[in-house]
Amino acid sequence: MNFTPERHAQPVMPIPNEPYRSTQLVNFYGESYTAHMTEREVMFPDGCLITSCTDLNGYITHANEAFVIMSGWQREELIGMPHSILRHPDMPKVAFADLWATLQRGEKWHGYVKNLRKDGAFYWVHATVIPNIRHGVVKGYTSVRRKPSREKIAELSQLYAVWLAEEKK
């Protein structure tokens, strides 16, 4: 099933019940929405794998229970939404440019991502994304996320901050 932005509303994030900051985010199609972020981290549980699938345009077609729980969204809210609803504003665009360039070459991508939950909290993942190829044609993408290394998060948080500062120049 192909999803188009005309068929799906932009995410509506509730106002958090704790201190937060807000920003306007823009999706792949240039549509903007308001995201609210808190400083609260939800730790990735031991032994858990988050899986999801998207179509070629990045619209979610499958979300496992771990994804539903960690994202804070209901499954019916996730299906048909752009995967970018999880994009935390602390993530630099260059990280996702690398993801898409790698996938467009038909290759597997690995990386650390800070995700935004519906309630404004965040969680880190170590993600692997692969193209779903059927009869030689890419039909969509599958992402598997696992518990990240705290040392790598500390390292990449600093690098991502530098990249974000460069983007704002």
N, C-alpha and C. Protein backbone atom coordinates (compact mmCIF):
# COMPACT_ATOMS: atom_id res chain seq x y z
N MET A 1 0.84 -1.18 0.00
CA MET A 1 0.00 0.00 0.00
C MET A 1 0.89 1.24 0.00
N ASN A 2 0.61 2.19 -0.88
CA ASN A 2 1.35 3.44 -0.91
C ASN A 2 0.58 4.50 -0.16
N PHE A 3 1.28 5.28 0.63
CA PHE A 3 0.68 6.36 1.38
C PHE A 3 1.09 7.67 0.75
N THR A 4 0.20 8.62 0.70
CA THR A 4 0.53 9.93 0.19
C THR A 4 0.22 10.95 1.26
N PRO A 5 0.92 12.09 1.25
CA PRO A 5 0.67 13.08 2.31
C PRO A 5 -0.76 13.60 2.30
N GLU A 6 -1.42 13.56 1.17
CA GLU A 6 -2.80 14.02 1.11
C GLU A 6 -3.74 13.12 1.91
N ARG A 7 -3.37 11.88 2.11
CA ARG A 7 -4.24 10.92 2.79
C ARG A 7 -4.03 10.89 4.29
N HIS A 8 -3.01 11.60 4.79
CA HIS A 8 -2.67 11.48 6.20
C HIS A 8 -2.41 12.83 6.82
N ALA A 9 -3.00 13.06 7.97
CA ALA A 9 -2.80 14.32 8.69
C ALA A 9 -1.41 14.37 9.29
N GLN A 10 -0.95 15.56 9.56
CA GLN A 10 0.32 15.73 10.25
C GLN A 10 0.14 15.33 11.71
N PRO A 11 1.22 14.89 12.35
CA PRO A 11 1.10 14.49 13.75
C PRO A 11 0.71 15.66 14.63
N VAL A 12 -0.09 15.37 15.63
CA VAL A 12 -0.45 16.38 16.62
C VAL A 12 0.11 15.90 17.95
N MET A 13 1.11 16.60 18.43
CA MET A 13 1.74 16.23 19.69
C MET A 13 1.06 16.98 20.82
N PRO A 14 0.66 16.27 21.85
CA PRO A 14 0.04 16.95 23.00
C PRO A 14 1.07 17.80 23.74
N ILE A 15 0.60 18.78 24.48
CA ILE A 15 1.47 19.60 25.31
C ILE A 15 1.93 18.74 26.49
N PRO A 16 3.25 18.62 26.72
CA PRO A 16 3.74 17.79 27.84
C PRO A 16 3.33 18.36 29.19
N ASN A 17 3.24 17.48 30.17
CA ASN A 17 2.91 17.86 31.55
C ASN A 17 4.16 18.15 32.36
N GLU A 18 5.20 18.62 31.73
CA GLU A 18 6.46 18.95 32.36
C GLU A 18 7.11 20.05 31.52
N PRO A 19 8.16 20.69 32.01
CA PRO A 19 8.80 21.75 31.22
C PRO A 19 9.18 21.25 29.83
N TYR A 20 8.97 22.08 28.81
CA TYR A 20 9.25 21.68 27.44
C TYR A 20 9.62 22.90 26.61
N ARG A 21 10.18 22.61 25.44
CA ARG A 21 10.41 23.64 24.42
C ARG A 21 9.71 23.17 23.16
N SER A 22 9.34 24.10 22.31
CA SER A 22 8.65 23.75 21.07
C SER A 22 9.43 24.26 19.87
N THR A 23 9.23 23.58 18.76
CA THR A 23 9.84 24.00 17.51
C THR A 23 8.96 23.56 16.35
N GLN A 24 9.11 24.21 15.24
CA GLN A 24 8.41 23.81 14.01
C GLN A 24 9.32 22.85 13.26
N LEU A 25 8.80 21.72 12.88
CA LEU A 25 9.53 20.75 12.07
C LEU A 25 8.87 20.69 10.70
N VAL A 26 9.66 20.31 9.70
CA VAL A 26 9.15 20.21 8.34
C VAL A 26 9.40 18.80 7.85
N ASN A 27 8.36 18.17 7.31
CA ASN A 27 8.52 16.80 6.82
C ASN A 27 9.10 16.81 5.41
N PHE A 28 9.26 15.62 4.86
CA PHE A 28 9.84 15.41 3.53
C PHE A 28 9.10 16.20 2.45
N TYR A 29 7.80 16.40 2.64
CA TYR A 29 6.98 17.08 1.63
C TYR A 29 6.87 18.58 1.86
N GLY A 30 7.63 19.10 2.83
CA GLY A 30 7.62 20.54 3.09
C GLY A 30 6.49 21.00 3.99
N GLU A 31 5.74 20.07 4.56
CA GLU A 31 4.65 20.42 5.47
C GLU A 31 5.21 20.56 6.87
N SER A 32 4.77 21.58 7.61
CA SER A 32 5.31 21.79 8.95
C SER A 32 4.31 21.39 10.02
N TYR A 33 4.86 21.08 11.19
CA TYR A 33 4.06 20.76 12.36
C TYR A 33 4.87 21.14 13.59
N THR A 34 4.20 21.28 14.71
CA THR A 34 4.84 21.68 15.95
C THR A 34 5.23 20.46 16.77
N ALA A 35 6.48 20.45 17.22
CA ALA A 35 6.96 19.38 18.10
C ALA A 35 7.31 19.99 19.45
N HIS A 36 6.97 19.28 20.51
CA HIS A 36 7.27 19.70 21.87
C HIS A 36 8.28 18.70 22.45
N MET A 37 9.37 19.22 23.03
CA MET A 37 10.42 18.36 23.55
C MET A 37 10.68 18.66 25.02
N THR A 38 10.84 17.61 25.80
CA THR A 38 11.25 17.73 27.20
C THR A 38 12.70 17.26 27.30
N GLU A 39 13.26 17.35 28.46
CA GLU A 39 14.62 16.86 28.70
C GLU A 39 14.62 15.46 29.31
N ARG A 40 13.45 14.80 29.30
CA ARG A 40 13.33 13.48 29.92
C ARG A 40 13.68 12.39 28.92
N GLU A 41 14.61 11.54 29.31
CA GLU A 41 14.99 10.41 28.47
C GLU A 41 14.28 9.15 28.96
N VAL A 42 13.76 8.38 28.03
CA VAL A 42 13.21 7.06 28.31
C VAL A 42 14.28 6.07 27.87
N MET A 43 14.73 5.27 28.79
CA MET A 43 15.82 4.34 28.50
C MET A 43 15.31 3.15 27.68
N PHE A 44 16.11 2.75 26.73
CA PHE A 44 15.79 1.60 25.89
C PHE A 44 15.91 0.35 26.75
N PRO A 45 14.86 -0.49 26.77
CA PRO A 45 14.90 -1.67 27.64
C PRO A 45 15.87 -2.75 27.14
N ASP A 46 16.48 -3.45 28.07
CA ASP A 46 17.36 -4.57 27.73
C ASP A 46 16.56 -5.64 26.99
N GLY A 47 17.21 -6.28 26.03
CA GLY A 47 16.62 -7.41 25.33
C GLY A 47 15.49 -7.06 24.38
N CYS A 48 15.31 -5.80 24.08
CA CYS A 48 14.20 -5.34 23.25
C CYS A 48 14.69 -5.02 21.83
N LEU A 49 13.87 -5.30 20.84
CA LEU A 49 14.12 -4.88 19.46
C LEU A 49 12.90 -4.13 18.96
N ILE A 50 13.13 -2.96 18.42
CA ILE A 50 12.06 -2.19 17.78
C ILE A 50 12.15 -2.46 16.29
N THR A 51 11.03 -2.81 15.69
CA THR A 51 11.02 -2.99 14.24
C THR A 51 9.89 -2.19 13.63
N SER A 52 10.17 -1.71 12.42
CA SER A 52 9.13 -1.03 11.65
C SER A 52 9.46 -1.17 10.17
N CYS A 53 8.44 -1.00 9.36
CA CYS A 53 8.61 -1.00 7.91
C CYS A 53 7.97 0.26 7.37
N THR A 54 8.53 0.75 6.27
CA THR A 54 7.94 1.90 5.59
C THR A 54 7.83 1.60 4.10
N ASP A 55 7.02 2.41 3.43
CA ASP A 55 6.99 2.35 1.98
C ASP A 55 8.17 3.16 1.45
N LEU A 56 8.26 3.34 0.15
CA LEU A 56 9.38 4.05 -0.46
C LEU A 56 9.46 5.52 -0.04
N ASN A 57 8.34 6.09 0.37
CA ASN A 57 8.30 7.49 0.77
C ASN A 57 8.49 7.70 2.27
N GLY A 58 8.77 6.62 3.00
CA GLY A 58 9.02 6.73 4.43
C GLY A 58 7.78 6.71 5.30
N TYR A 59 6.63 6.32 4.73
CA TYR A 59 5.40 6.22 5.52
C TYR A 59 5.34 4.84 6.19
N ILE A 60 5.03 4.83 7.46
CA ILE A 60 5.05 3.61 8.26
C ILE A 60 3.95 2.65 7.82
N THR A 61 4.33 1.41 7.53
CA THR A 61 3.38 0.37 7.14
C THR A 61 3.29 -0.74 8.18
N HIS A 62 4.28 -0.81 9.07
CA HIS A 62 4.30 -1.83 10.13
C HIS A 62 5.03 -1.25 11.34
N ALA A 63 4.51 -1.55 12.53
CA ALA A 63 5.16 -1.15 13.79
C ALA A 63 4.96 -2.28 14.79
N ASN A 64 6.06 -2.83 15.31
CA ASN A 64 5.89 -3.87 16.31
C ASN A 64 5.51 -3.26 17.66
N GLU A 65 5.17 -4.09 18.61
CA GLU A 65 4.68 -3.62 19.91
C GLU A 65 5.74 -2.78 20.64
N ALA A 66 7.01 -3.17 20.52
CA ALA A 66 8.08 -2.40 21.17
C ALA A 66 8.15 -0.99 20.60
N PHE A 67 7.93 -0.86 19.30
CA PHE A 67 7.93 0.46 18.66
C PHE A 67 6.77 1.30 19.21
N VAL A 68 5.61 0.71 19.29
CA VAL A 68 4.44 1.40 19.82
C VAL A 68 4.72 1.90 21.24
N ILE A 69 5.24 1.03 22.08
CA ILE A 69 5.50 1.39 23.48
C ILE A 69 6.56 2.48 23.58
N MET A 70 7.70 2.31 22.90
CA MET A 70 8.79 3.28 23.02
C MET A 70 8.44 4.63 22.41
N SER A 71 7.67 4.65 21.34
CA SER A 71 7.34 5.91 20.67
C SER A 71 6.26 6.70 21.42
N GLY A 72 5.44 5.99 22.19
CA GLY A 72 4.35 6.65 22.90
C GLY A 72 3.11 6.89 22.04
N TRP A 73 3.18 6.55 20.77
CA TRP A 73 2.03 6.69 19.87
C TRP A 73 1.24 5.38 19.88
N GLN A 74 -0.04 5.45 19.56
CA GLN A 74 -0.84 4.25 19.35
C GLN A 74 -0.51 3.69 17.97
N ARG A 75 -0.62 2.38 17.80
CA ARG A 75 -0.32 1.76 16.50
C ARG A 75 -1.12 2.41 15.37
N GLU A 76 -2.41 2.66 15.62
CA GLU A 76 -3.23 3.25 14.55
C GLU A 76 -2.82 4.68 14.23
N GLU A 77 -2.14 5.35 15.16
CA GLU A 77 -1.61 6.68 14.88
C GLU A 77 -0.32 6.59 14.06
N LEU A 78 0.46 5.55 14.28
CA LEU A 78 1.73 5.39 13.58
C LEU A 78 1.56 4.96 12.13
N ILE A 79 0.68 3.98 11.91
CA ILE A 79 0.53 3.45 10.55
C ILE A 79 0.02 4.55 9.63
N GLY A 80 0.77 4.76 8.56
CA GLY A 80 0.42 5.78 7.59
C GLY A 80 1.08 7.13 7.83
N MET A 81 1.73 7.29 8.98
CA MET A 81 2.44 8.54 9.27
C MET A 81 3.87 8.44 8.72
N PRO A 82 4.48 9.59 8.41
CA PRO A 82 5.88 9.55 8.00
C PRO A 82 6.76 9.16 9.19
N HIS A 83 7.75 8.32 8.95
CA HIS A 83 8.63 7.88 10.03
C HIS A 83 9.32 9.07 10.69
N SER A 84 9.40 10.17 9.97
CA SER A 84 10.06 11.37 10.49
C SER A 84 9.32 12.00 11.67
N ILE A 85 8.12 11.52 12.02
CA ILE A 85 7.46 12.06 13.22
C ILE A 85 8.28 11.77 14.47
N LEU A 86 9.23 10.82 14.36
CA LEU A 86 10.09 10.48 15.48
C LEU A 86 11.38 11.31 15.50
N ARG A 87 11.58 12.11 14.47
CA ARG A 87 12.84 12.84 14.35
C ARG A 87 12.95 13.91 15.42
N HIS A 88 13.94 13.78 16.27
CA HIS A 88 14.18 14.78 17.31
C HIS A 88 14.94 15.95 16.68
N PRO A 89 14.58 17.18 17.04
CA PRO A 89 15.27 18.35 16.47
C PRO A 89 16.77 18.40 16.80
N ASP A 90 17.24 17.63 17.76
CA ASP A 90 18.67 17.57 18.06
C ASP A 90 19.44 16.73 17.04
N MET A 91 18.72 16.05 16.15
CA MET A 91 19.38 15.23 15.12
C MET A 91 19.70 16.10 13.91
N PRO A 92 20.96 16.10 13.47
CA PRO A 92 21.33 16.90 12.30
C PRO A 92 20.80 16.27 11.00
N LYS A 93 20.49 17.14 10.06
CA LYS A 93 19.97 16.67 8.76
C LYS A 93 20.97 15.79 8.04
N VAL A 94 22.26 16.07 8.23
CA VAL A 94 23.30 15.32 7.52
C VAL A 94 23.24 13.83 7.88
N ALA A 95 22.84 13.50 9.10
CA ALA A 95 22.74 12.09 9.49
C ALA A 95 21.69 11.38 8.64
N PHE A 96 20.57 12.05 8.39
CA PHE A 96 19.52 11.43 7.59
C PHE A 96 19.84 11.47 6.10
N ALA A 97 20.61 12.47 5.68
CA ALA A 97 21.06 12.51 4.29
C ALA A 97 21.93 11.29 4.01
N ASP A 98 22.79 10.95 4.97
CA ASP A 98 23.64 9.76 4.82
C ASP A 98 22.79 8.49 4.78
N LEU A 99 21.77 8.42 5.65
CA LEU A 99 20.87 7.26 5.66
C LEU A 99 20.24 7.08 4.28
N TRP A 100 19.65 8.14 3.74
CA TRP A 100 18.97 8.02 2.45
C TRP A 100 19.93 7.75 1.30
N ALA A 101 21.11 8.35 1.32
CA ALA A 101 22.10 8.09 0.27
C ALA A 101 22.52 6.62 0.29
N THR A 102 22.72 6.10 1.49
CA THR A 102 23.11 4.69 1.64
C THR A 102 22.01 3.77 1.14
N LEU A 103 20.76 4.05 1.53
CA LEU A 103 19.64 3.22 1.08
C LEU A 103 19.44 3.31 -0.43
N GLN A 104 19.63 4.49 -0.99
CA GLN A 104 19.46 4.65 -2.44
C GLN A 104 20.49 3.83 -3.23
N ARG A 105 21.63 3.56 -2.60
CA ARG A 105 22.64 2.69 -3.23
C ARG A 105 22.30 1.21 -3.04
N GLY A 106 21.20 0.94 -2.32
CA GLY A 106 20.79 -0.43 -2.07
C GLY A 106 21.55 -1.09 -0.94
N GLU A 107 22.19 -0.27 -0.10
CA GLU A 107 23.01 -0.79 0.99
C GLU A 107 22.33 -0.65 2.34
N LYS A 108 22.83 -1.41 3.30
CA LYS A 108 22.37 -1.37 4.68
C LYS A 108 22.99 -0.17 5.38
N TRP A 109 22.19 0.54 6.21
CA TRP A 109 22.69 1.70 6.97
C TRP A 109 22.64 1.39 8.45
N HIS A 110 23.67 1.82 9.18
CA HIS A 110 23.73 1.71 10.64
C HIS A 110 23.97 3.10 11.21
N GLY A 111 23.33 3.38 12.34
CA GLY A 111 23.60 4.66 12.98
C GLY A 111 22.89 4.80 14.31
N TYR A 112 23.30 5.82 15.04
CA TYR A 112 22.68 6.15 16.33
C TYR A 112 21.73 7.31 16.11
N VAL A 113 20.52 7.17 16.63
CA VAL A 113 19.48 8.18 16.40
C VAL A 113 18.80 8.53 17.72
N LYS A 114 18.61 9.82 17.92
CA LYS A 114 17.83 10.31 19.05
C LYS A 114 16.41 10.51 18.53
N ASN A 115 15.46 9.77 19.09
CA ASN A 115 14.08 9.82 18.65
C ASN A 115 13.22 10.62 19.63
N LEU A 116 12.19 11.22 19.09
CA LEU A 116 11.23 12.02 19.85
C LEU A 116 9.96 11.20 20.08
N ARG A 117 9.54 11.10 21.32
CA ARG A 117 8.30 10.40 21.66
C ARG A 117 7.11 11.36 21.55
N LYS A 118 5.94 10.81 21.47
CA LYS A 118 4.73 11.62 21.40
C LYS A 118 4.58 12.54 22.61
N ASP A 119 5.02 12.07 23.79
CA ASP A 119 4.87 12.87 25.01
C ASP A 119 5.98 13.91 25.18
N GLY A 120 6.89 14.03 24.20
CA GLY A 120 7.95 15.02 24.25
C GLY A 120 9.26 14.50 24.80
N ALA A 121 9.25 13.33 25.44
CA ALA A 121 10.48 12.72 25.92
C ALA A 121 11.27 12.20 24.71
N PHE A 122 12.47 11.69 24.96
CA PHE A 122 13.28 11.16 23.87
C PHE A 122 13.87 9.81 24.27
N TYR A 123 14.32 9.09 23.27
CA TYR A 123 15.03 7.83 23.49
C TYR A 123 16.04 7.65 22.37
N TRP A 124 17.17 7.05 22.72
CA TRP A 124 18.23 6.76 21.76
C TRP A 124 18.12 5.33 21.27
N VAL A 125 18.49 5.12 20.01
CA VAL A 125 18.52 3.77 19.43
C VAL A 125 19.79 3.59 18.60
N HIS A 126 20.20 2.35 18.47
CA HIS A 126 21.19 1.98 17.46
C HIS A 126 20.38 1.32 16.36
N ALA A 127 20.30 1.98 15.22
CA ALA A 127 19.41 1.55 14.15
C ALA A 127 20.16 0.88 13.00
N THR A 128 19.50 -0.09 12.43
CA THR A 128 19.93 -0.70 11.18
C THR A 128 18.74 -0.62 10.24
N VAL A 129 18.95 -0.04 9.06
CA VAL A 129 17.87 0.10 8.08
C VAL A 129 18.31 -0.58 6.79
N ILE A 130 17.41 -1.41 6.24
CA ILE A 130 17.73 -2.12 5.00
C ILE A 130 16.61 -1.92 3.99
N PRO A 131 16.98 -1.88 2.70
CA PRO A 131 15.95 -1.84 1.66
C PRO A 131 15.26 -3.20 1.58
N ASN A 132 13.94 -3.20 1.38
CA ASN A 132 13.18 -4.42 1.14
C ASN A 132 13.14 -4.62 -0.37
N ILE A 133 13.88 -5.61 -0.85
CA ILE A 133 14.00 -5.82 -2.29
C ILE A 133 13.22 -7.07 -2.68
N ARG A 134 12.33 -6.91 -3.64
CA ARG A 134 11.52 -8.02 -4.17
C ARG A 134 11.72 -8.07 -5.69
N HIS A 135 12.23 -9.19 -6.18
CA HIS A 135 12.48 -9.38 -7.62
C HIS A 135 13.33 -8.25 -8.18
N GLY A 136 14.34 -7.85 -7.40
CA GLY A 136 15.28 -6.85 -7.85
C GLY A 136 14.82 -5.41 -7.72
N VAL A 137 13.63 -5.18 -7.13
CA VAL A 137 13.07 -3.84 -7.01
C VAL A 137 12.88 -3.49 -5.53
N VAL A 138 13.34 -2.31 -5.14
CA VAL A 138 13.14 -1.86 -3.77
C VAL A 138 11.67 -1.50 -3.59
N LYS A 139 11.03 -2.13 -2.60
CA LYS A 139 9.60 -1.91 -2.34
C LYS A 139 9.35 -1.08 -1.08
N GLY A 140 10.38 -0.93 -0.25
CA GLY A 140 10.24 -0.19 1.00
C GLY A 140 11.47 -0.43 1.84
N TYR A 141 11.34 -0.15 3.14
CA TYR A 141 12.49 -0.26 4.04
C TYR A 141 12.08 -0.88 5.36
N THR A 142 13.00 -1.61 5.96
CA THR A 142 12.78 -2.16 7.30
C THR A 142 13.87 -1.62 8.20
N SER A 143 13.45 -1.21 9.40
CA SER A 143 14.37 -0.69 10.40
C SER A 143 14.27 -1.54 11.65
N VAL A 144 15.42 -1.92 12.18
CA VAL A 144 15.51 -2.65 13.44
C VAL A 144 16.37 -1.80 14.37
N ARG A 145 15.82 -1.49 15.53
CA ARG A 145 16.53 -0.67 16.50
C ARG A 145 16.77 -1.47 17.77
N ARG A 146 17.96 -1.29 18.31
CA ARG A 146 18.33 -2.00 19.54
C ARG A 146 18.94 -1.02 20.53
N LYS A 147 19.20 -1.54 21.72
CA LYS A 147 19.74 -0.70 22.79
C LYS A 147 21.10 -0.14 22.36
N PRO A 148 21.26 1.17 22.50
CA PRO A 148 22.52 1.79 22.09
C PRO A 148 23.57 1.77 23.19
N SER A 149 24.80 1.96 22.79
CA SER A 149 25.92 2.10 23.72
C SER A 149 25.89 3.50 24.32
N ARG A 150 25.94 3.60 25.64
CA ARG A 150 25.94 4.91 26.31
C ARG A 150 27.21 5.69 25.95
N GLU A 151 28.32 5.00 25.78
CA GLU A 151 29.57 5.67 25.41
C GLU A 151 29.44 6.29 24.01
N LYS A 152 28.83 5.55 23.10
CA LYS A 152 28.66 6.04 21.73
C LYS A 152 27.68 7.21 21.71
N ILE A 153 26.64 7.16 22.53
CA ILE A 153 25.69 8.28 22.62
C ILE A 153 26.42 9.54 23.07
N ALA A 154 27.25 9.44 24.09
CA ALA A 154 28.00 10.60 24.59
C ALA A 154 28.89 11.17 23.48
N GLU A 155 29.56 10.30 22.76
CA GLU A 155 30.44 10.72 21.68
C GLU A 155 29.64 11.40 20.56
N LEU A 156 28.56 10.75 20.12
CA LEU A 156 27.80 11.26 19.00
C LEU A 156 26.97 12.50 19.36
N SER A 157 26.56 12.62 20.60
CA SER A 157 25.83 13.83 21.01
C SER A 157 26.68 15.07 20.75
N GLN A 158 27.95 14.98 21.05
CA GLN A 158 28.86 16.11 20.81
C GLN A 158 29.02 16.36 19.31
N LEU A 159 29.22 15.30 18.54
CA LEU A 159 29.37 15.44 17.10
C LEU A 159 28.10 16.01 16.47
N TYR A 160 26.94 15.48 16.87
CA TYR A 160 25.67 15.97 16.32
C TYR A 160 25.47 17.44 16.64
N ALA A 161 25.88 17.88 17.83
CA ALA A 161 25.76 19.30 18.20
C ALA A 161 26.61 20.17 17.26
N VAL A 162 27.80 19.70 16.91
CA VAL A 162 28.67 20.43 15.98
C VAL A 162 28.00 20.50 14.61
N TRP A 163 27.48 19.37 14.15
CA TRP A 163 26.82 19.34 12.84
C TRP A 163 25.60 20.27 12.81
N LEU A 164 24.82 20.27 13.89
CA LEU A 164 23.65 21.16 13.97
C LEU A 164 24.09 22.63 13.91
N ALA A 165 25.14 22.96 14.62
CA ALA A 165 25.64 24.34 14.60
C ALA A 165 26.07 24.72 13.18
N GLU A 166 26.70 23.80 12.47
CA GLU A 166 27.10 24.06 11.08
C GLU A 166 25.88 24.27 10.18
N GLU A 167 24.83 23.50 10.41
CA GLU A 167 23.60 23.63 9.61
C GLU A 167 22.95 24.99 9.80
N LYS A 168 23.10 25.56 10.98
CA LYS A 168 22.43 26.83 11.29
C LYS A 168 23.21 28.06 10.81
N LYS A 169 24.44 27.83 10.31
CA LYS A 169 25.24 28.97 9.82
C LYS A 169 24.71 29.49 8.52
